[in-house]
């Protein structure tokens, strides 16, 4: 499913115009991204939890050249599925 598909489904099920459903979907996604950028956790009951995890800086060896490369510390988003999602996917 793509973002465009999701917008069409929301428009049909909520009986909204595509423009209104696009605005709703984009607003939702933007708010989730803003919360994650601020280090907040987003919990959607039954669906799952979005949060960020901090990874330490480390040095790795490139597979082909065996050259050492440094990876800087960074914060990455993570998704933990809720119980309803886990049951549906089984």
N, C-alpha and C. Protein backbone atom coordinates (compact mmCIF):
# COMPACT_ATOMS: atom_id res chain seq x y z
N UNK A 1 0.84 -1.17 0.00
CA UNK A 1 0.00 0.00 0.00
C UNK A 1 0.89 1.24 0.00
N UNK A 2 0.51 2.19 -0.82
CA UNK A 2 1.24 3.44 -0.89
C UNK A 2 0.44 4.54 -0.19
N UNK A 3 1.08 5.68 -0.05
CA UNK A 3 0.41 6.83 0.57
C UNK A 3 -0.83 7.22 -0.25
N UNK A 4 -0.70 7.15 -1.57
CA UNK A 4 -1.81 7.49 -2.46
C UNK A 4 -2.98 6.53 -2.24
N UNK A 5 -2.68 5.24 -2.10
CA UNK A 5 -3.72 4.24 -1.84
C UNK A 5 -4.42 4.52 -0.51
N UNK A 6 -3.65 4.86 0.50
CA UNK A 6 -4.21 5.17 1.81
C UNK A 6 -5.13 6.38 1.74
N UNK A 7 -4.73 7.40 1.01
CA UNK A 7 -5.57 8.60 0.86
C UNK A 7 -6.89 8.24 0.19
N UNK A 8 -6.86 7.39 -0.82
CA UNK A 8 -8.09 6.98 -1.50
C UNK A 8 -9.00 6.17 -0.58
N UNK A 9 -8.43 5.29 0.22
CA UNK A 9 -9.22 4.49 1.16
C UNK A 9 -9.87 5.38 2.21
N UNK A 10 -9.11 6.33 2.76
CA UNK A 10 -9.65 7.26 3.75
C UNK A 10 -10.77 8.09 3.13
N UNK A 11 -10.60 8.53 1.90
CA UNK A 11 -11.63 9.32 1.23
C UNK A 11 -12.92 8.51 1.07
N UNK A 12 -12.80 7.24 0.70
CA UNK A 12 -13.99 6.41 0.52
C UNK A 12 -14.68 6.09 1.84
N UNK A 13 -13.90 5.64 2.83
CA UNK A 13 -14.49 5.19 4.09
C UNK A 13 -15.03 6.34 4.94
N UNK A 14 -14.36 7.48 4.91
CA UNK A 14 -14.80 8.63 5.71
C UNK A 14 -15.72 9.55 4.91
N UNK A 15 -15.96 9.20 3.66
CA UNK A 15 -16.81 9.99 2.77
C UNK A 15 -16.33 11.44 2.70
N UNK A 16 -15.04 11.58 2.43
CA UNK A 16 -14.40 12.88 2.28
C UNK A 16 -13.92 13.03 0.85
N UNK A 17 -13.62 14.27 0.50
CA UNK A 17 -13.00 14.49 -0.81
C UNK A 17 -11.55 14.00 -0.72
N UNK A 18 -10.97 13.75 -1.88
CA UNK A 18 -9.56 13.30 -1.87
C UNK A 18 -8.66 14.38 -1.31
N UNK A 19 -9.00 15.64 -1.56
CA UNK A 19 -8.20 16.74 -1.05
C UNK A 19 -8.24 16.78 0.48
N UNK A 20 -9.43 16.59 1.06
CA UNK A 20 -9.57 16.59 2.52
C UNK A 20 -8.88 15.38 3.14
N UNK A 21 -9.02 14.21 2.50
CA UNK A 21 -8.38 13.02 3.05
C UNK A 21 -6.86 13.11 2.93
N UNK A 22 -6.37 13.71 1.84
CA UNK A 22 -4.92 13.90 1.69
C UNK A 22 -4.40 14.80 2.80
N UNK A 23 -5.13 15.85 3.09
CA UNK A 23 -4.75 16.77 4.16
C UNK A 23 -4.73 16.06 5.51
N UNK A 24 -5.73 15.22 5.77
CA UNK A 24 -5.81 14.49 7.03
C UNK A 24 -4.65 13.50 7.18
N UNK A 25 -4.38 12.74 6.14
CA UNK A 25 -3.30 11.75 6.19
C UNK A 25 -1.95 12.44 6.36
N UNK A 26 -1.71 13.51 5.59
CA UNK A 26 -0.43 14.21 5.69
C UNK A 26 -0.26 14.90 7.04
N UNK A 27 -1.34 15.44 7.60
CA UNK A 27 -1.27 16.06 8.92
C UNK A 27 -0.91 15.01 9.97
N UNK A 28 -1.55 13.85 9.90
CA UNK A 28 -1.26 12.77 10.83
C UNK A 28 0.21 12.35 10.75
N UNK A 29 0.69 12.10 9.54
CA UNK A 29 2.08 11.67 9.37
C UNK A 29 3.07 12.74 9.82
N UNK A 30 2.78 14.00 9.50
CA UNK A 30 3.67 15.10 9.91
C UNK A 30 3.74 15.22 11.43
N UNK A 31 2.61 15.06 12.10
CA UNK A 31 2.60 15.15 13.57
C UNK A 31 3.37 14.00 14.20
N UNK A 32 3.26 12.80 13.63
CA UNK A 32 4.04 11.67 14.13
C UNK A 32 5.53 11.94 13.95
N UNK A 33 5.91 12.45 12.77
CA UNK A 33 7.32 12.74 12.51
C UNK A 33 7.85 13.85 13.42
N UNK A 34 7.05 14.88 13.67
CA UNK A 34 7.47 15.96 14.57
C UNK A 34 7.70 15.42 15.98
N UNK A 35 6.79 14.58 16.44
CA UNK A 35 6.93 14.01 17.79
C UNK A 35 8.20 13.18 17.89
N UNK A 36 8.47 12.36 16.88
CA UNK A 36 9.69 11.55 16.89
C UNK A 36 10.93 12.42 16.83
N UNK A 37 10.88 13.50 16.05
CA UNK A 37 12.03 14.41 15.96
C UNK A 37 12.31 15.08 17.30
N UNK A 38 11.26 15.27 18.11
CA UNK A 38 11.42 15.88 19.44
C UNK A 38 11.77 14.84 20.50
N UNK A 39 11.93 13.59 20.11
CA UNK A 39 12.30 12.53 21.05
C UNK A 39 11.12 11.96 21.81
N UNK A 40 9.91 12.27 21.39
CA UNK A 40 8.72 11.77 22.06
C UNK A 40 8.34 10.39 21.53
N UNK A 41 7.56 9.66 22.32
CA UNK A 41 7.04 8.36 21.92
C UNK A 41 5.60 8.55 21.47
N UNK A 42 5.21 7.91 20.37
CA UNK A 42 3.84 7.98 19.86
C UNK A 42 3.21 6.61 20.03
N UNK A 43 2.18 6.52 20.89
CA UNK A 43 1.50 5.26 21.15
C UNK A 43 0.12 5.31 20.53
N UNK A 44 -0.16 4.36 19.65
CA UNK A 44 -1.47 4.24 19.03
C UNK A 44 -2.07 2.92 19.51
N UNK A 45 -3.03 3.01 20.40
CA UNK A 45 -3.60 1.84 21.06
C UNK A 45 -4.05 0.80 20.04
N UNK A 46 -3.57 -0.43 20.20
CA UNK A 46 -3.92 -1.52 19.31
C UNK A 46 -3.07 -1.59 18.06
N UNK A 47 -2.50 -0.47 17.63
CA UNK A 47 -1.70 -0.46 16.40
C UNK A 47 -0.22 -0.64 16.70
N UNK A 48 0.29 0.15 17.65
CA UNK A 48 1.69 0.01 17.99
C UNK A 48 2.28 1.30 18.53
N UNK A 49 3.58 1.27 18.72
CA UNK A 49 4.31 2.39 19.29
C UNK A 49 5.45 2.78 18.37
N UNK A 50 5.58 4.08 18.14
CA UNK A 50 6.69 4.64 17.39
C UNK A 50 7.58 5.35 18.40
N UNK A 51 8.87 5.06 18.37
CA UNK A 51 9.80 5.76 19.25
C UNK A 51 11.16 5.81 18.58
N UNK A 52 12.08 6.53 19.21
CA UNK A 52 13.43 6.63 18.67
C UNK A 52 14.39 5.89 19.58
N UNK A 53 15.47 5.41 19.00
CA UNK A 53 16.49 4.71 19.76
C UNK A 53 17.84 5.32 19.39
N UNK A 54 18.66 5.54 20.39
CA UNK A 54 19.98 6.11 20.18
C UNK A 54 20.99 4.98 19.96
N UNK A 55 21.75 5.10 18.89
CA UNK A 55 22.81 4.14 18.59
C UNK A 55 24.15 4.82 18.81
N UNK A 56 25.07 4.11 19.46
CA UNK A 56 26.39 4.66 19.76
C UNK A 56 27.25 4.74 18.50
N UNK A 57 28.26 5.59 18.58
CA UNK A 57 29.24 5.66 17.49
C UNK A 57 30.06 4.37 17.54
N UNK A 58 30.47 3.90 16.36
CA UNK A 58 31.28 2.67 16.33
C UNK A 58 32.15 2.67 15.09
N UNK A 59 33.13 1.78 15.10
CA UNK A 59 34.03 1.61 13.97
C UNK A 59 33.75 0.23 13.37
N UNK A 60 33.61 0.19 12.05
CA UNK A 60 33.35 -1.08 11.37
C UNK A 60 34.42 -1.29 10.30
N UNK A 61 34.53 -2.51 9.81
CA UNK A 61 35.44 -2.81 8.70
C UNK A 61 34.60 -3.07 7.47
N UNK A 62 34.92 -2.40 6.37
CA UNK A 62 34.22 -2.61 5.11
C UNK A 62 34.49 -4.02 4.62
N UNK A 63 33.50 -4.68 4.10
CA UNK A 63 33.62 -6.08 3.68
C UNK A 63 34.64 -6.25 2.56
N UNK A 64 34.54 -5.47 1.53
CA UNK A 64 35.41 -5.64 0.37
C UNK A 64 36.84 -5.19 0.61
N UNK A 65 37.02 -3.99 1.17
CA UNK A 65 38.36 -3.41 1.28
C UNK A 65 39.02 -3.62 2.63
N UNK A 66 38.27 -4.12 3.60
CA UNK A 66 38.77 -4.32 4.98
C UNK A 66 39.23 -3.00 5.61
N UNK A 67 38.77 -1.90 5.05
CA UNK A 67 39.12 -0.58 5.55
C UNK A 67 38.21 -0.21 6.72
N UNK A 68 38.77 0.37 7.77
CA UNK A 68 37.98 0.76 8.94
C UNK A 68 37.22 2.05 8.63
N UNK A 69 35.93 2.05 8.99
CA UNK A 69 35.08 3.23 8.79
C UNK A 69 34.41 3.56 10.11
N UNK A 70 34.28 4.84 10.39
CA UNK A 70 33.61 5.28 11.61
C UNK A 70 32.16 5.63 11.29
N UNK A 71 31.26 5.14 12.13
CA UNK A 71 29.85 5.49 12.03
C UNK A 71 29.54 6.37 13.22
N UNK A 72 28.98 7.53 12.95
CA UNK A 72 28.69 8.48 14.03
C UNK A 72 27.48 8.02 14.83
N UNK A 73 27.36 8.52 16.07
CA UNK A 73 26.20 8.23 16.89
C UNK A 73 24.98 8.87 16.24
N UNK A 74 23.86 8.17 16.31
CA UNK A 74 22.65 8.69 15.67
C UNK A 74 21.42 8.15 16.36
N UNK A 75 20.33 8.86 16.15
CA UNK A 75 19.04 8.45 16.68
C UNK A 75 18.18 7.97 15.51
N UNK A 76 17.59 6.79 15.64
CA UNK A 76 16.82 6.20 14.55
C UNK A 76 15.40 5.87 15.03
N UNK A 77 14.41 6.01 14.14
CA UNK A 77 13.03 5.67 14.53
C UNK A 77 12.83 4.15 14.57
N UNK A 78 11.95 3.72 15.46
CA UNK A 78 11.62 2.31 15.61
C UNK A 78 10.11 2.18 15.75
N UNK A 79 9.57 1.05 15.27
CA UNK A 79 8.15 0.74 15.40
C UNK A 79 8.00 -0.58 16.12
N UNK A 80 7.16 -0.61 17.15
CA UNK A 80 6.88 -1.82 17.88
C UNK A 80 5.39 -2.13 17.68
N UNK A 81 5.05 -3.20 16.99
CA UNK A 81 3.64 -3.47 16.71
C UNK A 81 2.82 -3.77 17.96
N UNK A 82 1.55 -3.37 17.93
CA UNK A 82 0.63 -3.66 19.02
C UNK A 82 0.07 -5.06 18.92
N UNK A 83 -0.70 -5.45 19.91
CA UNK A 83 -1.22 -6.82 19.96
C UNK A 83 -2.18 -7.11 18.81
N UNK A 84 -3.02 -6.14 18.43
CA UNK A 84 -3.96 -6.38 17.32
C UNK A 84 -3.21 -6.60 16.02
N UNK A 85 -2.16 -5.84 15.80
CA UNK A 85 -1.37 -5.98 14.57
C UNK A 85 -0.67 -7.33 14.56
N UNK A 86 -0.11 -7.72 15.69
CA UNK A 86 0.57 -9.02 15.77
C UNK A 86 -0.39 -10.18 15.47
N UNK A 87 -1.61 -10.08 15.99
CA UNK A 87 -2.59 -11.15 15.77
C UNK A 87 -3.02 -11.21 14.31
N UNK A 88 -3.19 -10.05 13.66
CA UNK A 88 -3.62 -10.02 12.25
C UNK A 88 -2.56 -10.54 11.31
N UNK A 89 -1.29 -10.32 11.64
CA UNK A 89 -0.20 -10.68 10.75
C UNK A 89 0.12 -12.17 10.82
N UNK A 90 -0.17 -12.81 11.94
CA UNK A 90 0.15 -14.24 12.10
C UNK A 90 -0.34 -15.08 10.98
